[in-house]
Amino acid sequence: MSKGFVVLAQNTKTIDYVKQAYALALSIKNTQKTVTKISLVTNDPVPLHYKHVFDKIIEIPWGDLATNPTWKIENRWKIFHVSPYEETIVLD
């Protein structure tokens, strides 16, 4: 059975959440022994030097429902539809 973490990261004008997801992924890779698969769900550019820590980078499907809000929570429900894992731990 596949198990993994899925991180939703959508940058705002003032906060780089993709960078924070990268730091989180590094922490997971360094501390977890049984579940180490990590996928990122985003519609923002991911720098090349961040990509190696993610097993998959998934574009937010069905359009971005959080283009203007500050909290960017409108796309969370989509995670469970795009997760590549049978058992998913969602972080954001």
PDB file of N, CA and C in Angstrom:
ATOM      1  N   MET A   1       0.849  -1.181   0.000  1.00  0.00           N
ATOM      2  CA  MET A   1       0.000   0.000   0.000  1.00  0.00           C
ATOM      3  C   MET A   1       0.892   1.242   0.000  1.00  0.00           C
ATOM      4  N   SER A   2       0.621   2.174  -0.892  1.00  0.00           N
ATOM      5  CA  SER A   2       1.439   3.377  -0.956  1.00  0.00           C
ATOM      6  C   SER A   2       0.973   4.401   0.076  1.00  0.00           C
ATOM      7  N   LYS A   3       1.960   5.006   0.729  1.00  0.00           N
ATOM      8  CA  LYS A   3       1.702   6.026   1.746  1.00  0.00           C
ATOM      9  C   LYS A   3       2.580   7.223   1.449  1.00  0.00           C
ATOM     10  N   GLY A   4       2.049   8.410   1.690  1.00  0.00           N
ATOM     11  CA  GLY A   4       2.858   9.591   1.451  1.00  0.00           C
ATOM     12  C   GLY A   4       2.234  10.857   1.996  1.00  0.00           C
ATOM     13  N   PHE A   5       3.049  11.893   1.968  1.00  0.00           N
ATOM     14  CA  PHE A   5       2.631  13.229   2.374  1.00  0.00           C
ATOM     15  C   PHE A   5       2.287  14.028   1.126  1.00  0.00           C
ATOM     16  N   VAL A   6       1.246  14.852   1.227  1.00  0.00           N
ATOM     17  CA  VAL A   6       0.920  15.792   0.164  1.00  0.00           C
ATOM     18  C   VAL A   6       0.858  17.173   0.791  1.00  0.00           C
ATOM     19  N   VAL A   7       1.598  18.102   0.185  1.00  0.00           N
ATOM     20  CA  VAL A   7       1.660  19.477   0.679  1.00  0.00           C
ATOM     21  C   VAL A   7       1.023  20.395  -0.358  1.00  0.00           C
ATOM     22  N   LEU A   8       0.076  21.205   0.093  1.00  0.00           N
ATOM     23  CA  LEU A   8      -0.523  22.225  -0.763  1.00  0.00           C
ATOM     24  C   LEU A   8       0.200  23.534  -0.491  1.00  0.00           C
ATOM     25  N   ALA A   9       0.723  24.156  -1.531  1.00  0.00           N
ATOM     26  CA  ALA A   9       1.444  25.421  -1.362  1.00  0.00           C
ATOM     27  C   ALA A   9       1.053  26.389  -2.467  1.00  0.00           C
ATOM     28  N   GLN A  10       0.462  27.490  -2.070  1.00  0.00           N
ATOM     29  CA  GLN A  10       0.128  28.558  -3.007  1.00  0.00           C
ATOM     30  C   GLN A  10       0.711  29.856  -2.468  1.00  0.00           C
ATOM     31  N   ASN A  11       1.619  30.433  -3.213  1.00  0.00           N
ATOM     32  CA  ASN A  11       2.245  31.676  -2.790  1.00  0.00           C
ATOM     33  C   ASN A  11       1.233  32.815  -2.755  1.00  0.00           C
ATOM     34  N   THR A  12       1.493  33.761  -1.869  1.00  0.00           N
ATOM     35  CA  THR A  12       0.737  35.014  -1.856  1.00  0.00           C
ATOM     36  C   THR A  12       1.702  36.120  -2.281  1.00  0.00           C
ATOM     37  N   LYS A  13       1.241  37.322  -2.281  1.00  0.00           N
ATOM     38  CA  LYS A  13       2.104  38.440  -2.649  1.00  0.00           C
ATOM     39  C   LYS A  13       3.248  38.620  -1.659  1.00  0.00           C
ATOM     40  N   THR A  14       3.044  38.195  -0.419  1.00  0.00           N
ATOM     41  CA  THR A  14       4.057  38.441   0.615  1.00  0.00           C
ATOM     42  C   THR A  14       4.716  37.177   1.164  1.00  0.00           C
ATOM     43  N   ILE A  15       4.159  36.001   0.903  1.00  0.00           N
ATOM     44  CA  ILE A  15       4.696  34.774   1.500  1.00  0.00           C
ATOM     45  C   ILE A  15       4.974  33.734   0.428  1.00  0.00           C
ATOM     46  N   ASP A  16       6.181  33.180   0.463  1.00  0.00           N
ATOM     47  CA  ASP A  16       6.599  32.140  -0.475  1.00  0.00           C
ATOM     48  C   ASP A  16       6.318  30.772   0.167  1.00  0.00           C
ATOM     49  N   TYR A  17       5.112  30.258  -0.065  1.00  0.00           N
ATOM     50  CA  TYR A  17       4.729  28.984   0.521  1.00  0.00           C
ATOM     51  C   TYR A  17       5.405  27.803  -0.162  1.00  0.00           C
ATOM     52  N   VAL A  18       5.824  27.948  -1.399  1.00  0.00           N
ATOM     53  CA  VAL A  18       6.570  26.885  -2.068  1.00  0.00           C
ATOM     54  C   VAL A  18       7.912  26.693  -1.362  1.00  0.00           C
ATOM     55  N   LYS A  19       8.548  27.780  -0.979  1.00  0.00           N
ATOM     56  CA  LYS A  19       9.812  27.696  -0.230  1.00  0.00           C
ATOM     57  C   LYS A  19       9.587  27.015   1.116  1.00  0.00           C
ATOM     58  N   GLN A  20       8.480  27.338   1.775  1.00  0.00           N
ATOM     59  CA  GLN A  20       8.160  26.702   3.045  1.00  0.00           C
ATOM     60  C   GLN A  20       7.878  25.214   2.857  1.00  0.00           C
ATOM     61  N   ALA A  21       7.224  24.850   1.756  1.00  0.00           N
ATOM     62  CA  ALA A  21       6.966  23.436   1.464  1.00  0.00           C
ATOM     63  C   ALA A  21       8.277  22.688   1.231  1.00  0.00           C
ATOM     64  N   TYR A  22       9.217  23.343   0.602  1.00  0.00           N
ATOM     65  CA  TYR A  22      10.546  22.763   0.390  1.00  0.00           C
ATOM     66  C   TYR A  22      11.223  22.484   1.732  1.00  0.00           C
ATOM     67  N   ALA A  23      11.188  23.453   2.643  1.00  0.00           N
ATOM     68  CA  ALA A  23      11.786  23.268   3.971  1.00  0.00           C
ATOM     69  C   ALA A  23      11.087  22.135   4.723  1.00  0.00           C
ATOM     70  N   LEU A  24       9.774  22.076   4.620  1.00  0.00           N
ATOM     71  CA  LEU A  24       9.013  21.000   5.251  1.00  0.00           C
ATOM     72  C   LEU A  24       9.409  19.642   4.682  1.00  0.00           C
ATOM     73  N   ALA A  25       9.539  19.564   3.366  1.00  0.00           N
ATOM     74  CA  ALA A  25       9.927  18.310   2.710  1.00  0.00           C
ATOM     75  C   ALA A  25      11.320  17.867   3.160  1.00  0.00           C
ATOM     76  N   LEU A  26      12.234  18.800   3.291  1.00  0.00           N
ATOM     77  CA  LEU A  26      13.575  18.460   3.788  1.00  0.00           C
ATOM     78  C   LEU A  26      13.496  17.886   5.199  1.00  0.00           C
ATOM     79  N   SER A  27      12.668  18.488   6.028  1.00  0.00           N
ATOM     80  CA  SER A  27      12.499  18.006   7.402  1.00  0.00           C
ATOM     81  C   SER A  27      11.905  16.603   7.421  1.00  0.00           C
ATOM     82  N   ILE A  28      10.899  16.369   6.602  1.00  0.00           N
ATOM     83  CA  ILE A  28      10.287  15.038   6.522  1.00  0.00           C
ATOM     84  C   ILE A  28      11.314  14.009   6.077  1.00  0.00           C
ATOM     85  N   LYS A  29      12.070  14.338   5.035  1.00  0.00           N
ATOM     86  CA  LYS A  29      13.076  13.402   4.513  1.00  0.00           C
ATOM     87  C   LYS A  29      14.141  13.076   5.561  1.00  0.00           C
ATOM     88  N   ASN A  30      14.453  14.049   6.424  1.00  0.00           N
ATOM     89  CA  ASN A  30      15.498  13.850   7.427  1.00  0.00           C
ATOM     90  C   ASN A  30      15.014  13.193   8.706  1.00  0.00           C
ATOM     91  N   THR A  31      13.709  13.164   8.931  1.00  0.00           N
ATOM     92  CA  THR A  31      13.223  12.639  10.208  1.00  0.00           C
ATOM     93  C   THR A  31      12.349  11.393  10.099  1.00  0.00           C
ATOM     94  N   GLN A  32      11.758  11.166   8.942  1.00  0.00           N
ATOM     95  CA  GLN A  32      10.836  10.039   8.813  1.00  0.00           C
ATOM     96  C   GLN A  32      11.522   8.845   8.163  1.00  0.00           C
ATOM     97  N   LYS A  33      11.284   7.682   8.703  1.00  0.00           N
ATOM     98  CA  LYS A  33      11.907   6.471   8.163  1.00  0.00           C
ATOM     99  C   LYS A  33      10.913   5.584   7.417  1.00  0.00           C
ATOM    100  N   THR A  34       9.642   5.591   7.814  1.00  0.00           N
ATOM    101  CA  THR A  34       8.678   4.675   7.195  1.00  0.00           C
ATOM    102  C   THR A  34       7.907   5.308   6.039  1.00  0.00           C
ATOM    103  N   VAL A  35       7.561   6.582   6.163  1.00  0.00           N
ATOM    104  CA  VAL A  35       6.836   7.273   5.087  1.00  0.00           C
ATOM    105  C   VAL A  35       7.699   8.439   4.629  1.00  0.00           C
ATOM    106  N   THR A  36       8.240   8.326   3.425  1.00  0.00           N
ATOM    107  CA  THR A  36       9.148   9.372   2.939  1.00  0.00           C
ATOM    108  C   THR A  36       8.736   9.934   1.584  1.00  0.00           C
ATOM    109  N   LYS A  37       7.634   9.473   1.028  1.00  0.00           N
ATOM    110  CA  LYS A  37       7.152  10.003  -0.245  1.00  0.00           C
ATOM    111  C   LYS A  37       6.451  11.342   0.007  1.00  0.00           C
ATOM    112  N   ILE A  38       6.796  12.343  -0.807  1.00  0.00           N
ATOM    113  CA  ILE A  38       6.213  13.672  -0.633  1.00  0.00           C
ATOM    114  C   ILE A  38       5.840  14.231  -2.001  1.00  0.00           C
ATOM    115  N   SER A  39       4.593  14.666  -2.117  1.00  0.00           N
ATOM    116  CA  SER A  39       4.137  15.322  -3.339  1.00  0.00           C
ATOM    117  C   SER A  39       3.729  16.743  -3.010  1.00  0.00           C
ATOM    118  N   LEU A  40       3.951  17.630  -3.955  1.00  0.00           N
ATOM    119  CA  LEU A  40       3.602  19.032  -3.808  1.00  0.00           C
ATOM    120  C   LEU A  40       2.479  19.358  -4.784  1.00  0.00           C
ATOM    121  N   VAL A  41       1.420  20.002  -4.285  1.00  0.00           N
ATOM    122  CA  VAL A  41       0.335  20.475  -5.132  1.00  0.00           C
ATOM    123  C   VAL A  41       0.435  21.997  -5.149  1.00  0.00           C
ATOM    124  N   THR A  42       0.648  22.551  -6.331  1.00  0.00           N
ATOM    125  CA  THR A  42       0.812  23.994  -6.459  1.00  0.00           C
ATOM    126  C   THR A  42       0.534  24.433  -7.885  1.00  0.00           C
ATOM    127  N   ASN A  43       0.297  25.724  -8.040  1.00  0.00           N
ATOM    128  CA  ASN A  43       0.214  26.307  -9.368  1.00  0.00           C
ATOM    129  C   ASN A  43       1.300  27.368  -9.544  1.00  0.00           C
ATOM    130  N   ASP A  44       2.215  27.408  -8.588  1.00  0.00           N
ATOM    131  CA  ASP A  44       3.317  28.362  -8.626  1.00  0.00           C
ATOM    132  C   ASP A  44       4.578  27.699  -9.165  1.00  0.00           C
ATOM    133  N   PRO A  45       5.491  28.482  -9.710  1.00  0.00           N
ATOM    134  CA  PRO A  45       6.745  27.907 -10.183  1.00  0.00           C
ATOM    135  C   PRO A  45       7.538  27.303  -9.025  1.00  0.00           C
ATOM    136  N   VAL A  46       8.156  26.155  -9.287  1.00  0.00           N
ATOM    137  CA  VAL A  46       8.984  25.493  -8.287  1.00  0.00           C
ATOM    138  C   VAL A  46      10.430  25.575  -8.794  1.00  0.00           C
ATOM    139  N   PRO A  47      11.301  26.252  -8.041  1.00  0.00           N
ATOM    140  CA  PRO A  47      12.691  26.349  -8.474  1.00  0.00           C
ATOM    141  C   PRO A  47      13.313  24.972  -8.679  1.00  0.00           C
ATOM    142  N   LEU A  48      14.171  24.878  -9.651  1.00  0.00           N
ATOM    143  CA  LEU A  48      14.807  23.608  -9.994  1.00  0.00           C
ATOM    144  C   LEU A  48      15.500  22.980  -8.795  1.00  0.00           C
ATOM    145  N   HIS A  49      16.160  23.788  -7.973  1.00  0.00           N
ATOM    146  CA  HIS A  49      16.886  23.232  -6.829  1.00  0.00           C
ATOM    147  C   HIS A  49      15.963  22.794  -5.681  1.00  0.00           C
ATOM    148  N   TYR A  50      14.667  23.006  -5.780  1.00  0.00           N
ATOM    149  CA  TYR A  50      13.695  22.487  -4.809  1.00  0.00           C
ATOM    150  C   TYR A  50      13.129  21.145  -5.250  1.00  0.00           C
ATOM    151  N   LYS A  51      13.092  20.914  -6.545  1.00  0.00           N
ATOM    152  CA  LYS A  51      12.343  19.790  -7.111  1.00  0.00           C
ATOM    153  C   LYS A  51      12.819  18.418  -6.654  1.00  0.00           C
ATOM    154  N   HIS A  52      14.085  18.270  -6.306  1.00  0.00           N
ATOM    155  CA  HIS A  52      14.617  16.951  -5.963  1.00  0.00           C
ATOM    156  C   HIS A  52      14.006  16.351  -4.700  1.00  0.00           C
ATOM    157  N   VAL A  53      13.426  17.172  -3.823  1.00  0.00           N
ATOM    158  CA  VAL A  53      12.862  16.620  -2.589  1.00  0.00           C
ATOM    159  C   VAL A  53      11.430  16.121  -2.761  1.00  0.00           C
ATOM    160  N   PHE A  54      10.804  16.466  -3.874  1.00  0.00           N
ATOM    161  CA  PHE A  54       9.424  16.048  -4.118  1.00  0.00           C
ATOM    162  C   PHE A  54       9.388  14.867  -5.075  1.00  0.00           C
ATOM    163  N   ASP A  55       8.598  13.864  -4.729  1.00  0.00           N
ATOM    164  CA  ASP A  55       8.423  12.718  -5.608  1.00  0.00           C
ATOM    165  C   ASP A  55       7.539  13.071  -6.795  1.00  0.00           C
ATOM    166  N   LYS A  56       6.574  13.950  -6.547  1.00  0.00           N
ATOM    167  CA  LYS A  56       5.696  14.431  -7.623  1.00  0.00           C
ATOM    168  C   LYS A  56       5.355  15.885  -7.350  1.00  0.00           C
ATOM    169  N   ILE A  57       5.255  16.655  -8.418  1.00  0.00           N
ATOM    170  CA  ILE A  57       4.742  18.018  -8.342  1.00  0.00           C
ATOM    171  C   ILE A  57       3.494  18.034  -9.201  1.00  0.00           C
ATOM    172  N   ILE A  58       2.372  18.345  -8.563  1.00  0.00           N
ATOM    173  CA  ILE A  58       1.064  18.231  -9.201  1.00  0.00           C
ATOM    174  C   ILE A  58       0.437  19.618  -9.310  1.00  0.00           C
ATOM    175  N   GLU A  59       0.024  19.968 -10.511  1.00  0.00           N
ATOM    176  CA  GLU A  59      -0.653  21.244 -10.709  1.00  0.00           C
ATOM    177  C   GLU A  59      -2.054  21.174 -10.109  1.00  0.00           C
ATOM    178  N   ILE A  60      -2.477  22.267  -9.510  1.00  0.00           N
ATOM    179  CA  ILE A  60      -3.822  22.323  -8.927  1.00  0.00           C
ATOM    180  C   ILE A  60      -4.838  22.093 -10.042  1.00  0.00           C
ATOM    181  N   PRO A  61      -5.670  21.068  -9.904  1.00  0.00           N
ATOM    182  CA  PRO A  61      -6.612  20.739 -10.981  1.00  0.00           C
ATOM    183  C   PRO A  61      -7.880  21.593 -10.953  1.00  0.00           C
ATOM    184  N   TRP A  62      -8.565  21.593 -12.076  1.00  0.00           N
ATOM    185  CA  TRP A  62      -9.901  22.193 -12.202  1.00  0.00           C
ATOM    186  C   TRP A  62      -9.925  23.685 -11.902  1.00  0.00           C
ATOM    187  N   GLY A  63      -8.861  24.360 -12.220  1.00  0.00           N
ATOM    188  CA  GLY A  63      -8.805  25.805 -12.023  1.00  0.00           C
ATOM    189  C   GLY A  63      -8.489  26.180 -10.589  1.00  0.00           C
ATOM    190  N   ASP A  64      -7.935  27.343 -10.431  1.00  0.00           N
ATOM    191  CA  ASP A  64      -7.567  27.851  -9.112  1.00  0.00           C
ATOM    192  C   ASP A  64      -8.747  28.598  -8.514  1.00  0.00           C
ATOM    193  N   LEU A  65      -9.300  28.064  -7.443  1.00  0.00           N
ATOM    194  CA  LEU A  65     -10.442  28.695  -6.778  1.00  0.00           C
ATOM    195  C   LEU A  65     -10.009  29.744  -5.753  1.00  0.00           C
ATOM    196  N   ALA A  66      -8.689  29.912  -5.587  1.00  0.00           N
ATOM    197  CA  ALA A  66      -8.172  30.825  -4.565  1.00  0.00           C
ATOM    198  C   ALA A  66      -7.268  31.894  -5.180  1.00  0.00           C
ATOM    199  N   THR A  67      -7.720  32.534  -6.243  1.00  0.00           N
ATOM    200  CA  THR A  67      -6.863  33.524  -6.890  1.00  0.00           C
ATOM    201  C   THR A  67      -6.745  34.819  -6.088  1.00  0.00           C
ATOM    202  N   ASN A  68      -7.787  35.219  -5.389  1.00  0.00           N
ATOM    203  CA  ASN A  68      -7.744  36.477  -4.642  1.00  0.00           C
ATOM    204  C   ASN A  68      -7.661  36.335  -3.129  1.00  0.00           C
ATOM    205  N   PRO A  69      -8.192  35.288  -2.523  1.00  0.00           N
ATOM    206  CA  PRO A  69      -8.183  35.209  -1.057  1.00  0.00           C
ATOM    207  C   PRO A  69      -6.778  35.199  -0.462  1.00  0.00           C
ATOM    208  N   THR A  70      -6.688  35.695   0.759  1.00  0.00           N
ATOM    209  CA  THR A  70      -5.411  35.709   1.469  1.00  0.00           C
ATOM    210  C   THR A  70      -5.066  34.335   2.033  1.00  0.00           C
ATOM    211  N   TRP A  71      -6.057  33.591   2.472  1.00  0.00           N
ATOM    212  CA  TRP A  71      -5.806  32.306   3.133  1.00  0.00           C
ATOM    213  C   TRP A  71      -5.568  31.161   2.157  1.00  0.00           C
ATOM    214  N   LYS A  72      -6.068  31.253   0.952  1.00  0.00           N
ATOM    215  CA  LYS A  72      -5.825  30.248  -0.089  1.00  0.00           C
ATOM    216  C   LYS A  72      -6.249  28.835   0.332  1.00  0.00           C
ATOM    217  N   ILE A  73      -7.399  28.701   0.964  1.00  0.00           N
ATOM    218  CA  ILE A  73      -7.860  27.383   1.420  1.00  0.00           C
ATOM    219  C   ILE A  73      -8.876  26.742   0.475  1.00  0.00           C
ATOM    220  N   GLU A  74      -9.284  27.460  -0.532  1.00  0.00           N
ATOM    221  CA  GLU A  74     -10.358  26.988  -1.412  1.00  0.00           C
ATOM    222  C   GLU A  74     -10.000  25.765  -2.249  1.00  0.00           C
ATOM    223  N   ASN A  75      -8.724  25.439  -2.366  1.00  0.00           N
ATOM    224  CA  ASN A  75      -8.307  24.292  -3.176  1.00  0.00           C
ATOM    225  C   ASN A  75      -7.973  23.047  -2.355  1.00  0.00           C
ATOM    226  N   ARG A  76      -8.096  23.113  -1.049  1.00  0.00           N
ATOM    227  CA  ARG A  76      -7.720  21.972  -0.197  1.00  0.00           C
ATOM    228  C   ARG A  76      -8.478  20.692  -0.537  1.00  0.00           C
ATOM    229  N   TRP A  77      -9.747  20.812  -0.860  1.00  0.00           N
ATOM    230  CA  TRP A  77     -10.572  19.626  -1.125  1.00  0.00           C
ATOM    231  C   TRP A  77     -10.038  18.816  -2.304  1.00  0.00           C
ATOM    232  N   LYS A  78      -9.290  19.450  -3.182  1.00  0.00           N
ATOM    233  CA  LYS A  78      -8.788  18.776  -4.375  1.00  0.00           C
ATOM    234  C   LYS A  78      -7.645  17.807  -4.074  1.00  0.00           C
ATOM    235  N   ILE A  79      -7.007  17.986  -2.944  1.00  0.00           N
ATOM    236  CA  ILE A  79      -5.840  17.162  -2.599  1.00  0.00           C
ATOM    237  C   ILE A  79      -6.192  15.678  -2.615  1.00  0.00           C
ATOM    238  N   PHE A  80      -7.302  15.330  -2.054  1.00  0.00           N
ATOM    239  CA  PHE A  80      -7.675  13.923  -1.959  1.00  0.00           C
ATOM    240  C   PHE A  80      -8.001  13.309  -3.321  1.00  0.00           C
ATOM    241  N   HIS A  81      -8.324  14.144  -4.286  1.00  0.00           N
ATOM    242  CA  HIS A  81      -8.606  13.661  -5.636  1.00  0.00           C
ATOM    243  C   HIS A  81      -7.336  13.480  -6.467  1.00  0.00           C
ATOM    244  N   VAL A  82      -6.275  14.208  -6.128  1.00  0.00           N
ATOM    245  CA  VAL A  82      -5.050  14.128  -6.918  1.00  0.00           C
ATOM    246  C   VAL A  82      -3.904  13.413  -6.214  1.00  0.00           C
ATOM    247  N   SER A  83      -4.105  13.032  -4.974  1.00  0.00           N
ATOM    248  CA  SER A  83      -3.032  12.343  -4.251  1.00  0.00           C
ATOM    249  C   SER A  83      -2.651  11.044  -4.965  1.00  0.00           C
ATOM    250  N   PRO A  84      -1.359  10.814  -5.151  1.00  0.00           N
ATOM    251  CA  PRO A  84      -0.926   9.581  -5.783  1.00  0.00           C
ATOM    252  C   PRO A  84      -0.816   8.404  -4.808  1.00  0.00           C
ATOM    253  N   TYR A  85      -1.201   8.650  -3.565  1.00  0.00           N
ATOM    254  CA  TYR A  85      -1.035   7.637  -2.517  1.00  0.00           C
ATOM    255  C   TYR A  85      -2.372   7.058  -2.068  1.00  0.00           C
ATOM    256  N   GLU A  86      -2.348   5.800  -1.670  1.00  0.00           N
ATOM    257  CA  GLU A  86      -3.560   5.167  -1.130  1.00  0.00           C
ATOM    258  C   GLU A  86      -3.856   5.694   0.272  1.00  0.00           C
ATOM    259  N   GLU A  87      -2.798   5.989   1.037  1.00  0.00           N
ATOM    260  CA  GLU A  87      -2.948   6.619   2.349  1.00  0.00           C
ATOM    261  C   GLU A  87      -2.162   7.918   2.312  1.00  0.00           C
ATOM    262  N   THR A  88      -2.862   9.025   2.591  1.00  0.00           N
ATOM    263  CA  THR A  88      -2.280  10.356   2.433  1.00  0.00           C
ATOM    264  C   THR A  88      -2.323  11.132   3.727  1.00  0.00           C
ATOM    265  N   ILE A  89      -1.198  11.738   4.075  1.00  0.00           N
ATOM    266  CA  ILE A  89      -1.144  12.707   5.156  1.00  0.00           C
ATOM    267  C   ILE A  89      -1.048  14.074   4.484  1.00  0.00           C
ATOM    268  N   VAL A  90      -2.036  14.932   4.729  1.00  0.00           N
ATOM    269  CA  VAL A  90      -2.095  16.249   4.092  1.00  0.00           C
ATOM    270  C   VAL A  90      -1.480  17.288   5.017  1.00  0.00           C
ATOM    271  N   LEU A  91      -0.571  18.078   4.459  1.00  0.00           N
ATOM    272  CA  LEU A  91       0.058  19.174   5.193  1.00  0.00           C
ATOM    273  C   LEU A  91      -0.045  20.430   4.342  1.00  0.00           C
ATOM    274  N   ASP A  92      -0.240  21.563   5.009  1.00  0.00           N
ATOM    275  CA  ASP A  92      -0.165  22.823   4.263  1.00  0.00           C
ATOM    276  C   ASP A  92       0.148  23.960   5.193  1.00  0.00           C
TER     277      ASP A  92
END
